[in-house]
Amino acid sequence: MSDGVRPHNRAALLTLTCIGQFMVLLNNTITSAALPDMQQRLDTTLTGLQWIVDAYVLAVAMLLLAGGVFADRFGGKRIFLGGMALFTLASLLCSLSAGVGWLLAARVLQGIGAAALSPASLALLASAYPVPRDRVKAIGQWATFSGIGLAVGPAAGGLLVEAFDWRAIFLVNIPIGVVTLIVGARVLRDHRNPDAPPLDLPGQVLALLVVGTLTFGLTEGGELGWTAPLILSCFAATIVLLALFIAVEARSATPMLPLRLFKHRLFTVSNAAMTVVGFGLMGSGFFFTQFFATVQGHSVLRSALETLPCTLAMVVCSPYAARIAARFGFRSVVTAGLVLAGAGLVTMASVHATTAYADVWWRLAVTGAGFGLTMSPLTGAAISSVGPREGGLASGISSTTRQIGAVFGVAVLGAIVRTRQEHGASFDSGLNSAFLTAGVITLISAVFTALWLVRRKTLVVDLPPATRTAAPEPTASRS
């Protein structure tokens, strides 16, 4: 066949790529269930827990686009198997970590592996399914597994931690990774794009430094003091590095982030809103399990299960978001989703130690449903704002902005909780302030989106064979 993949191998290829993406998304949420156990057994602070989450998310966020470039230049099979090997090895190192420092280093390696897995799996699918209709269907199945990974993460984490301890959430990756490597080496076929652009190394390094210094300042500021020389230096360095990044990208012949794309209002507003989605969803999600475990005193397993209304509502609503947007337009659906999510988070600001679960679950469900309605239309909006050959890049940038928002969400909301505690407030009062902040920012984003997002309807996303891209959000391919 012209695509180099025999029909009977396509099922195996689709399965392998779905497993790879499932593991990437699973490790976004499974860690949240283990945070209370990690805090106790590793004797770490809230700042330590933030870094355990952000070390992975930050690596994924900053290397997703680079992973897409490498998949194009060196072949999807090599990058997929290399990413899976690194992800599996890093998972083993995570489970063997004796302290927070070693765990953070292993989490960074795990994030690097994940950043290779997502775009490489998408590149393999795009080359194996050259017919647009078949490709969209395959990517739809791939995206469904992404949603399942997000949904089962908290419950799986709770079960594993309850039966063993936090190390089990990383050990579970190892047999899956080994089997995927063995089978993948036999059935996957490499496909390269001879016209793939070179890696924008200066832009990549500067982007990492910009986000890294800002994240460090936001995460450590509450503990070291916001006026500490180191923290002020981080914020100053962020400004200088950002200006340098913009200058380098403006002059680069093959920039990792083409600044010209931001001339399109639809592209700019949709990515700004996606950043807020990541901020609110991941930032607040970081504290959901801690609320049930630390504030209400529930077991790890029960706490993890009690967070399910948020992820389940998100997964249930996501597949329908693109269809609704196709009928009513991007602006209406995204605005409604942000309003729902913001309202849900604002209502979470009033929960406390004695609030019955019957009065909590619906708040989580409203939050999840709201975010579920936003991600696919926002990715569709970003893709529709650019030319057909740049659809994959736009999808990758959309995923990257969500991940960056997630990094900042964990850092900022964690800093709010810590600062409130330093001023004598209780932990649950600090959580209320964090939920309120996330909710208000999301509602402000809803107003901004309603005023500025172009009223357009979604299009079917047909990612080109050349996938200089990161993985789209769950169901993004259906936008």
Protein backbone atom coordinates (compact mmCIF):
# COMPACT_ATOMS: atom_id res chain seq x y z
CA MET A 1 0.00 0.00 0.00
CA SER A 2 1.15 3.56 -0.60
CA ASP A 3 1.15 4.44 3.06
CA GLY A 4 3.39 1.50 3.92
CA VAL A 5 0.99 -0.02 6.45
CA ARG A 6 -0.82 -3.25 5.71
CA PRO A 7 -4.53 -3.21 6.65
CA HIS A 8 -4.15 -5.97 9.26
CA ASN A 9 -1.42 -3.92 10.99
CA ARG A 10 -3.53 -0.80 11.28
CA ALA A 11 -5.52 -2.17 14.20
CA ALA A 12 -2.27 -2.86 16.08
CA LEU A 13 -0.91 0.60 15.20
CA LEU A 14 -4.10 2.30 16.34
CA THR A 15 -4.04 0.32 19.58
CA LEU A 16 -0.42 1.20 20.31
CA THR A 17 -0.85 4.90 19.62
CA CYS A 18 -4.00 4.99 21.76
CA ILE A 19 -2.13 3.29 24.61
CA GLY A 20 0.67 5.82 24.34
CA GLN A 21 -1.69 8.79 24.51
CA PHE A 22 -3.69 7.10 27.27
CA MET A 23 -0.55 6.85 29.43
CA VAL A 24 0.35 10.50 28.81
CA LEU A 25 -3.06 11.76 29.90
CA LEU A 26 -3.39 9.22 32.71
CA ASN A 27 -0.25 10.60 34.32
CA ASN A 28 -1.74 14.08 34.21
CA THR A 29 -4.45 13.11 36.72
CA ILE A 30 -3.35 9.91 38.48
CA THR A 31 -0.77 11.85 40.51
CA SER A 32 -3.41 14.03 42.17
CA ALA A 33 -4.81 11.03 44.05
CA ALA A 34 -1.37 10.22 45.47
CA LEU A 35 -0.49 13.73 46.70
CA PRO A 36 -1.69 13.25 50.32
CA ASP A 37 0.28 9.99 50.60
CA MET A 38 3.34 11.60 49.01
CA GLN A 39 3.20 14.49 51.44
CA GLN A 40 3.15 12.12 54.40
CA ARG A 41 5.70 9.54 53.26
CA LEU A 42 8.13 11.96 51.63
CA ASP A 43 7.68 14.53 54.42
CA THR A 44 7.33 17.35 51.95
CA THR A 45 5.50 20.67 51.90
CA LEU A 46 2.81 22.05 49.63
CA THR A 47 5.60 23.55 47.52
CA GLY A 48 7.11 20.10 47.07
CA LEU A 49 3.77 18.71 45.91
CA GLN A 50 3.43 21.55 43.43
CA TRP A 51 6.79 20.74 41.91
CA ILE A 52 5.94 17.03 41.69
CA VAL A 53 2.99 17.96 39.48
CA ASP A 54 4.57 20.86 37.61
CA ALA A 55 7.84 19.06 36.83
CA TYR A 56 5.92 16.69 34.55
CA VAL A 57 3.48 19.23 33.11
CA LEU A 58 6.21 21.80 32.49
CA ALA A 59 8.35 19.32 30.55
CA VAL A 60 5.36 18.25 28.46
CA ALA A 61 4.28 21.84 27.81
CA MET A 62 7.67 23.09 26.67
CA LEU A 63 8.64 20.11 24.50
CA LEU A 64 5.39 19.16 22.74
CA LEU A 65 6.12 21.24 19.64
CA ALA A 66 9.71 20.01 19.54
CA GLY A 67 8.41 16.44 19.72
CA GLY A 68 6.31 17.10 16.63
CA VAL A 69 9.34 18.43 14.73
CA PHE A 70 11.42 15.39 15.70
CA ALA A 71 8.62 13.02 14.65
CA ASP A 72 8.55 14.67 11.23
CA ARG A 73 12.33 14.73 10.74
CA PHE A 74 13.36 11.40 12.23
CA GLY A 75 10.21 9.31 11.84
CA GLY A 76 7.20 8.70 14.05
CA LYS A 77 8.29 5.16 14.96
CA ARG A 78 11.68 6.19 16.31
CA ILE A 79 10.31 9.06 18.34
CA PHE A 80 7.32 7.07 19.60
CA LEU A 81 9.45 4.12 20.74
CA GLY A 82 12.13 6.42 22.12
CA GLY A 83 9.52 8.41 24.03
CA MET A 84 7.91 5.24 25.36
CA ALA A 85 11.29 3.85 26.46
CA LEU A 86 12.15 7.07 28.29
CA PHE A 87 8.68 7.32 29.80
CA THR A 88 8.88 3.72 31.06
CA LEU A 89 12.40 4.12 32.47
CA ALA A 90 11.44 7.40 34.14
CA SER A 91 8.38 5.73 35.70
CA LEU A 92 10.69 3.11 37.24
CA LEU A 93 12.99 5.85 38.54
CA CYS A 94 9.98 7.68 40.01
CA SER A 95 8.96 4.57 41.93
CA LEU A 96 12.52 4.11 43.26
CA SER A 97 12.95 7.74 44.37
CA ALA A 98 13.92 8.06 48.03
CA GLY A 99 13.28 11.79 48.23
CA VAL A 100 11.57 14.69 46.52
CA GLY A 101 14.69 15.78 44.62
CA TRP A 102 15.14 12.44 42.87
CA LEU A 103 11.42 12.22 42.21
CA LEU A 104 11.41 15.65 40.55
CA ALA A 105 14.30 14.70 38.27
CA ALA A 106 12.51 11.48 37.29
CA ARG A 107 9.26 13.39 36.67
CA VAL A 108 11.07 15.73 34.27
CA LEU A 109 12.35 12.71 32.33
CA GLN A 110 8.85 11.27 32.34
CA GLY A 111 7.53 14.54 30.92
CA ILE A 112 10.15 14.52 28.16
CA GLY A 113 9.07 11.02 27.19
CA ALA A 114 5.43 12.07 27.19
CA ALA A 115 6.22 15.10 25.01
CA ALA A 116 7.65 12.71 22.41
CA LEU A 117 4.82 10.16 22.67
CA SER A 118 1.87 12.46 21.93
CA PRO A 119 2.95 14.08 18.63
CA ALA A 120 4.67 10.91 17.42
CA SER A 121 1.50 8.87 17.95
CA LEU A 122 -0.45 11.46 15.96
CA ALA A 123 2.17 11.42 13.20
CA LEU A 124 1.93 7.63 12.95
CA LEU A 125 -1.84 7.79 12.66
CA ALA A 126 -1.73 10.53 10.05
CA SER A 127 0.64 8.54 7.83
CA ALA A 128 -1.18 5.21 8.32
CA TYR A 129 -4.57 6.68 7.36
CA PRO A 130 -4.06 8.81 4.21
CA VAL A 131 -7.80 8.97 3.43
CA PRO A 132 -9.17 12.02 5.33
CA ARG A 133 -12.38 10.32 6.48
CA ASP A 134 -10.49 7.29 7.83
CA ARG A 135 -7.93 9.54 9.46
CA VAL A 136 -10.52 11.62 11.27
CA LYS A 137 -12.19 8.45 12.54
CA ALA A 138 -8.87 7.02 13.78
CA ILE A 139 -7.89 10.26 15.50
CA GLY A 140 -11.35 10.35 17.06
CA GLN A 141 -10.71 6.95 18.64
CA TRP A 142 -7.27 8.14 19.75
CA ALA A 143 -8.85 11.21 21.34
CA THR A 144 -11.43 9.06 23.13
CA PHE A 145 -8.62 7.18 24.86
CA SER A 146 -7.22 10.54 25.92
CA GLY A 147 -10.47 11.34 27.65
CA ILE A 148 -10.58 7.92 29.30
CA GLY A 149 -7.05 8.47 30.62
CA LEU A 150 -8.11 11.74 32.20
CA ALA A 151 -11.25 10.22 33.69
CA VAL A 152 -9.82 7.04 35.22
CA GLY A 153 -6.67 8.70 36.57
CA PRO A 154 -8.01 9.75 39.99
CA ALA A 155 -9.84 6.46 40.62
CA ALA A 156 -6.90 4.34 39.45
CA GLY A 157 -4.54 6.39 41.60
CA GLY A 158 -6.77 6.04 44.63
CA LEU A 159 -7.02 2.26 44.22
CA LEU A 160 -3.27 1.84 43.79
CA VAL A 161 -2.34 4.10 46.71
CA GLU A 162 -4.91 2.47 48.97
CA ALA A 163 -3.62 -1.03 48.14
CA PHE A 164 0.10 -0.15 48.15
CA ASP A 165 1.46 3.41 48.32
CA TRP A 166 2.23 6.32 45.98
CA ARG A 167 4.99 4.37 44.20
CA ALA A 168 2.40 2.07 42.64
CA ILE A 169 1.04 4.84 40.40
CA PHE A 170 4.37 4.83 38.56
CA LEU A 171 5.02 1.09 38.65
CA VAL A 172 1.79 0.43 36.74
CA ASN A 173 3.31 2.16 33.71
CA ILE A 174 6.21 -0.29 33.42
CA PRO A 175 4.51 -3.49 32.15
CA ILE A 176 2.35 -1.45 29.77
CA GLY A 177 5.41 0.36 28.44
CA VAL A 178 7.47 -2.82 27.99
CA VAL A 179 4.71 -4.59 26.06
CA THR A 180 4.15 -1.52 23.89
CA LEU A 181 7.87 -1.34 23.06
CA ILE A 182 8.06 -5.02 22.10
CA VAL A 183 4.95 -4.96 19.92
CA GLY A 184 5.72 -1.51 18.51
CA ALA A 185 9.16 -2.57 17.31
CA ARG A 186 7.47 -5.26 15.20
CA VAL A 187 4.39 -3.55 13.77
CA LEU A 188 5.19 0.16 13.48
CA ARG A 189 6.62 1.62 10.29
CA ASP A 190 8.64 4.81 10.02
CA HIS A 191 7.43 7.71 7.89
CA ARG A 192 9.43 10.91 7.58
CA ASN A 193 8.58 14.27 6.13
CA PRO A 194 11.47 15.39 3.91
CA ASP A 195 10.18 18.96 4.02
CA ALA A 196 10.02 19.10 7.82
CA PRO A 197 11.52 22.32 9.24
CA PRO A 198 14.58 22.16 11.49
CA LEU A 199 14.22 22.46 15.23
CA ASP A 200 14.21 26.06 16.44
CA LEU A 201 16.73 25.42 19.21
CA PRO A 202 17.22 29.06 20.34
CA GLY A 203 13.46 29.57 20.53
CA GLN A 204 12.99 26.27 22.35
CA VAL A 205 15.62 27.09 24.97
CA LEU A 206 14.32 30.62 25.51
CA ALA A 207 10.72 29.41 25.83
CA LEU A 208 11.78 26.90 28.46
CA LEU A 209 13.69 29.57 30.38
CA VAL A 210 10.77 32.03 30.24
CA VAL A 211 8.20 29.60 31.59
CA GLY A 212 10.68 27.96 33.97
CA THR A 213 11.83 31.17 35.67
CA LEU A 214 8.28 32.47 36.00
CA THR A 215 7.06 29.15 37.40
CA PHE A 216 9.92 29.08 39.92
CA GLY A 217 9.14 32.61 41.06
CA LEU A 218 5.41 31.90 41.45
CA THR A 219 5.94 28.56 43.20
CA GLU A 220 8.69 29.60 45.61
CA GLY A 221 7.51 33.17 46.18
CA GLY A 222 5.05 32.22 48.91
CA GLU A 223 7.73 30.34 50.84
CA LEU A 224 10.76 32.58 50.30
CA GLY A 225 8.80 35.85 50.32
CA TRP A 226 7.59 37.85 47.35
CA THR A 227 10.23 40.53 47.90
CA ALA A 228 13.13 38.08 48.28
CA PRO A 229 16.02 38.96 45.90
CA LEU A 230 15.86 35.54 44.24
CA ILE A 231 12.12 35.86 43.51
CA LEU A 232 12.42 39.42 42.21
CA SER A 233 15.34 38.30 40.05
CA CYS A 234 13.18 35.52 38.59
CA PHE A 235 10.43 37.95 37.61
CA ALA A 236 12.95 40.38 36.11
CA ALA A 237 14.66 37.56 34.20
CA THR A 238 11.27 36.43 32.87
CA ILE A 239 10.64 39.87 31.35
CA VAL A 240 14.08 40.03 29.75
CA LEU A 241 13.91 36.47 28.44
CA LEU A 242 10.41 37.02 27.05
CA ALA A 243 11.57 40.08 25.12
CA LEU A 244 14.54 38.10 23.80
CA PHE A 245 12.27 35.19 22.82
CA ILE A 246 9.97 37.50 20.84
CA ALA A 247 12.95 39.07 19.08
CA VAL A 248 14.46 35.69 18.18
CA GLU A 249 11.15 34.27 16.93
CA ALA A 250 10.48 37.37 14.82
CA ARG A 251 13.79 36.92 13.00
CA SER A 252 13.83 33.13 12.72
CA ALA A 253 13.15 31.58 9.32
CA THR A 254 11.54 28.52 10.99
CA PRO A 255 10.27 29.69 14.40
CA MET A 256 8.73 27.21 16.83
CA LEU A 257 6.03 29.82 17.47
CA PRO A 258 5.29 31.89 14.34
CA LEU A 259 4.29 35.28 15.73
CA ARG A 260 2.36 36.09 12.55
CA LEU A 261 -0.33 33.62 13.67
CA PHE A 262 -1.26 35.98 16.47
CA LYS A 263 -2.35 38.55 13.92
CA HIS A 264 -5.49 36.45 13.62
CA ARG A 265 -7.85 37.53 16.39
CA LEU A 266 -9.54 34.12 16.45
CA PHE A 267 -6.20 32.39 17.00
CA THR A 268 -5.07 34.82 19.73
CA VAL A 269 -8.31 34.83 21.70
CA SER A 270 -8.80 31.07 21.50
CA ASN A 271 -5.28 30.41 22.82
CA ALA A 272 -5.70 32.97 25.59
CA ALA A 273 -8.93 31.25 26.63
CA MET A 274 -7.21 27.84 26.43
CA THR A 275 -4.54 29.09 28.82
CA VAL A 276 -7.27 30.01 31.28
CA VAL A 277 -8.83 26.56 30.85
CA GLY A 278 -5.55 24.94 31.79
CA PHE A 279 -5.11 27.35 34.69
CA GLY A 280 -8.55 26.70 36.16
CA LEU A 281 -8.81 22.98 35.44
CA MET A 282 -5.36 21.82 36.53
CA GLY A 283 -4.87 24.46 39.21
CA SER A 284 -8.12 23.66 40.99
CA GLY A 285 -7.83 19.93 40.27
CA PHE A 286 -4.55 19.95 42.18
CA PHE A 287 -6.56 20.70 45.33
CA PHE A 288 -9.72 18.61 44.85
CA THR A 289 -8.29 15.40 46.33
CA GLN A 290 -6.50 17.37 49.05
CA PHE A 291 -9.80 18.94 50.08
CA PHE A 292 -11.46 15.59 50.61
CA ALA A 293 -8.39 13.93 52.17
CA THR A 294 -6.92 16.74 54.28
CA VAL A 295 -9.89 18.97 55.08
CA GLN A 296 -12.65 16.37 55.34
CA GLY A 297 -10.38 13.55 56.52
CA HIS A 298 -11.45 10.91 54.01
CA SER A 299 -9.32 7.98 52.85
CA VAL A 300 -7.16 8.32 49.75
CA LEU A 301 -9.41 6.00 47.73
CA ARG A 302 -12.61 7.70 48.81
CA SER A 303 -11.13 11.13 48.14
CA ALA A 304 -10.07 10.09 44.64
CA LEU A 305 -13.50 8.64 43.84
CA GLU A 306 -15.20 11.79 45.13
CA THR A 307 -13.41 13.88 42.49
CA LEU A 308 -14.83 11.77 39.63
CA PRO A 309 -17.87 14.00 38.90
CA CYS A 310 -15.50 16.62 37.48
CA THR A 311 -13.56 14.35 35.12
CA LEU A 312 -16.59 12.27 34.12
CA ALA A 313 -18.64 15.36 33.30
CA MET A 314 -15.77 16.69 31.23
CA VAL A 315 -15.38 13.45 29.28
CA VAL A 316 -19.13 13.11 28.71
CA CYS A 317 -19.54 16.69 27.48
CA SER A 318 -16.40 16.89 25.32
CA PRO A 319 -17.65 14.72 22.41
CA TYR A 320 -20.74 16.89 22.00
CA ALA A 321 -18.98 20.24 22.29
CA ALA A 322 -17.83 20.30 18.66
CA ARG A 323 -21.29 19.37 17.38
CA ILE A 324 -22.94 22.09 19.47
CA ALA A 325 -20.33 24.61 18.29
CA ALA A 326 -21.00 23.61 14.69
CA ARG A 327 -24.58 24.68 15.20
CA PHE A 328 -24.26 27.71 17.46
CA GLY A 329 -20.70 28.89 16.80
CA PHE A 330 -17.45 28.96 18.75
CA ARG A 331 -18.25 32.05 20.76
CA SER A 332 -21.57 30.88 22.22
CA VAL A 333 -20.34 27.44 23.26
CA VAL A 334 -16.99 28.56 24.65
CA THR A 335 -18.57 31.44 26.56
CA ALA A 336 -21.23 29.15 28.03
CA GLY A 337 -18.58 26.60 28.98
CA LEU A 338 -16.38 29.17 30.69
CA VAL A 339 -19.36 30.58 32.58
CA LEU A 340 -20.33 27.12 33.80
CA ALA A 341 -16.76 26.25 34.82
CA GLY A 342 -16.25 29.60 36.52
CA ALA A 343 -19.54 29.33 38.37
CA GLY A 344 -18.70 25.82 39.53
CA LEU A 345 -15.33 26.93 40.89
CA VAL A 346 -16.88 29.95 42.62
CA THR A 347 -19.38 27.68 44.38
CA MET A 348 -16.45 25.46 45.46
CA ALA A 349 -15.18 28.48 47.39
CA SER A 350 -17.91 27.95 49.98
CA VAL A 351 -17.29 24.28 50.82
CA HIS A 352 -15.77 23.42 54.18
CA ALA A 353 -14.93 20.52 56.46
CA THR A 354 -18.53 19.69 57.33
CA THR A 355 -20.09 20.18 53.88
CA ALA A 356 -21.93 17.01 52.90
CA TYR A 357 -20.82 15.32 49.70
CA ALA A 358 -24.36 15.66 48.35
CA ASP A 359 -23.70 19.39 48.34
CA VAL A 360 -20.25 19.10 46.74
CA TRP A 361 -20.46 16.65 43.84
CA TRP A 362 -22.71 18.84 41.71
CA ARG A 363 -20.23 21.74 42.00
CA LEU A 364 -17.51 19.48 40.63
CA ALA A 365 -19.81 18.23 37.88
CA VAL A 366 -20.70 21.78 36.78
CA THR A 367 -17.00 22.67 36.69
CA GLY A 368 -16.09 19.60 34.63
CA ALA A 369 -19.02 20.07 32.24
CA GLY A 370 -18.00 23.68 31.64
CA PHE A 371 -14.40 22.84 30.84
CA GLY A 372 -15.55 19.90 28.71
CA LEU A 373 -17.53 22.29 26.54
CA THR A 374 -14.56 24.59 25.94
CA MET A 375 -11.52 22.54 24.93
CA SER A 376 -12.61 21.04 21.63
CA PRO A 377 -14.20 24.25 20.24
CA LEU A 378 -11.16 26.29 21.32
CA THR A 379 -8.82 23.92 19.49
CA GLY A 380 -11.16 24.01 16.49
CA ALA A 381 -11.16 27.80 16.59
CA ALA A 382 -7.36 27.95 16.60
CA ILE A 383 -7.14 25.53 13.67
CA SER A 384 -9.84 27.29 11.66
CA SER A 385 -8.04 30.62 12.00
CA VAL A 386 -5.00 29.48 9.99
CA GLY A 387 -4.33 27.89 6.63
CA PRO A 388 -4.92 24.15 6.01
CA ARG A 389 -1.19 23.32 6.05
CA GLU A 390 -0.78 24.93 9.48
CA GLY A 391 -3.65 23.08 11.16
CA GLY A 392 -1.35 20.66 12.92
CA LEU A 393 0.87 23.45 14.22
CA ALA A 394 -2.17 25.40 15.46
CA SER A 395 -3.44 22.30 17.26
CA GLY A 396 -0.03 21.83 18.89
CA ILE A 397 0.12 25.44 20.04
CA SER A 398 -3.38 25.11 21.49
CA SER A 399 -2.32 22.06 23.50
CA THR A 400 0.86 23.82 24.61
CA THR A 401 -1.00 26.89 25.87
CA ARG A 402 -3.32 24.67 27.91
CA GLN A 403 -0.34 22.93 29.46
CA ILE A 404 1.35 26.25 30.23
CA GLY A 405 -1.87 27.44 31.85
CA ALA A 406 -1.84 24.25 33.93
CA VAL A 407 1.70 24.96 35.13
CA PHE A 408 0.77 28.48 36.15
CA GLY A 409 -2.50 27.32 37.73
CA VAL A 410 -0.74 24.95 40.11
CA ALA A 411 1.91 27.58 40.89
CA VAL A 412 -0.41 30.56 41.43
CA LEU A 413 -3.20 28.81 43.33
CA GLY A 414 -0.63 27.03 45.48
CA ALA A 415 0.97 30.37 46.27
CA ILE A 416 -2.43 31.76 47.28
CA VAL A 417 -3.06 28.86 49.69
CA ARG A 418 0.42 29.16 51.20
CA THR A 419 0.19 32.95 51.58
CA ARG A 420 -3.19 32.66 53.29
CA GLN A 421 -1.77 30.13 55.74
CA GLU A 422 1.19 32.40 56.51
CA HIS A 423 -1.34 35.08 57.49
CA GLY A 424 -3.01 32.74 59.96
CA ALA A 425 -5.80 31.29 57.80
CA SER A 426 -6.64 27.58 57.91
CA PHE A 427 -5.85 25.24 55.02
CA ASP A 428 -9.50 24.97 54.01
CA SER A 429 -9.81 28.77 54.02
CA GLY A 430 -6.79 28.92 51.73
CA LEU A 431 -8.44 26.40 49.41
CA ASN A 432 -11.59 28.53 49.32
CA SER A 433 -9.49 31.52 48.23
CA ALA A 434 -7.79 29.45 45.53
CA PHE A 435 -11.10 28.14 44.15
CA LEU A 436 -12.56 31.64 44.19
CA THR A 437 -9.55 33.06 42.34
CA ALA A 438 -9.72 30.35 39.68
CA GLY A 439 -13.45 30.87 39.29
CA VAL A 440 -13.24 34.65 38.96
CA ILE A 441 -10.42 34.44 36.39
CA THR A 442 -12.45 31.92 34.39
CA LEU A 443 -15.54 34.15 34.48
CA ILE A 444 -13.48 37.16 33.38
CA SER A 445 -12.19 35.05 30.50
CA ALA A 446 -15.80 34.24 29.59
CA VAL A 447 -16.59 37.95 29.28
CA PHE A 448 -13.44 38.57 27.25
CA THR A 449 -14.27 35.64 24.97
CA ALA A 450 -17.86 36.79 24.46
CA LEU A 451 -16.64 40.21 23.39
CA TRP A 452 -13.68 39.24 21.21
CA LEU A 453 -14.03 35.71 19.88
CA VAL A 454 -15.17 35.69 16.27
CA ARG A 455 -18.54 34.04 15.77
CA ARG A 456 -17.59 31.12 13.55
CA LYS A 457 -18.62 27.49 13.42
CA THR A 458 -16.37 24.49 13.80
CA LEU A 459 -14.86 22.63 10.90
CA VAL A 460 -13.87 18.98 10.67
CA VAL A 461 -10.21 18.84 11.64
CA ASP A 462 -8.16 16.91 9.11
CA LEU A 463 -4.57 17.08 10.32
CA PRO A 464 -2.11 16.97 7.40
CA PRO A 465 0.37 14.10 7.06
CA ALA A 466 3.13 16.51 8.03
CA THR A 467 2.35 16.85 11.73
CA ARG A 468 4.50 19.52 13.19
CA THR A 469 2.19 19.39 16.11
CA ALA A 470 1.52 18.30 19.62
CA ALA A 471 -1.42 16.19 20.62
CA PRO A 472 -4.75 17.98 20.52
CA GLU A 473 -6.96 17.95 23.55
CA PRO A 474 -9.29 15.01 24.01
CA THR A 475 -11.88 15.12 21.20
CA ALA A 476 -10.05 18.04 19.58
CA SER A 477 -9.93 16.08 16.40
CA ARG A 478 -13.69 16.12 16.25
CA SER A 479 -13.91 19.88 16.25
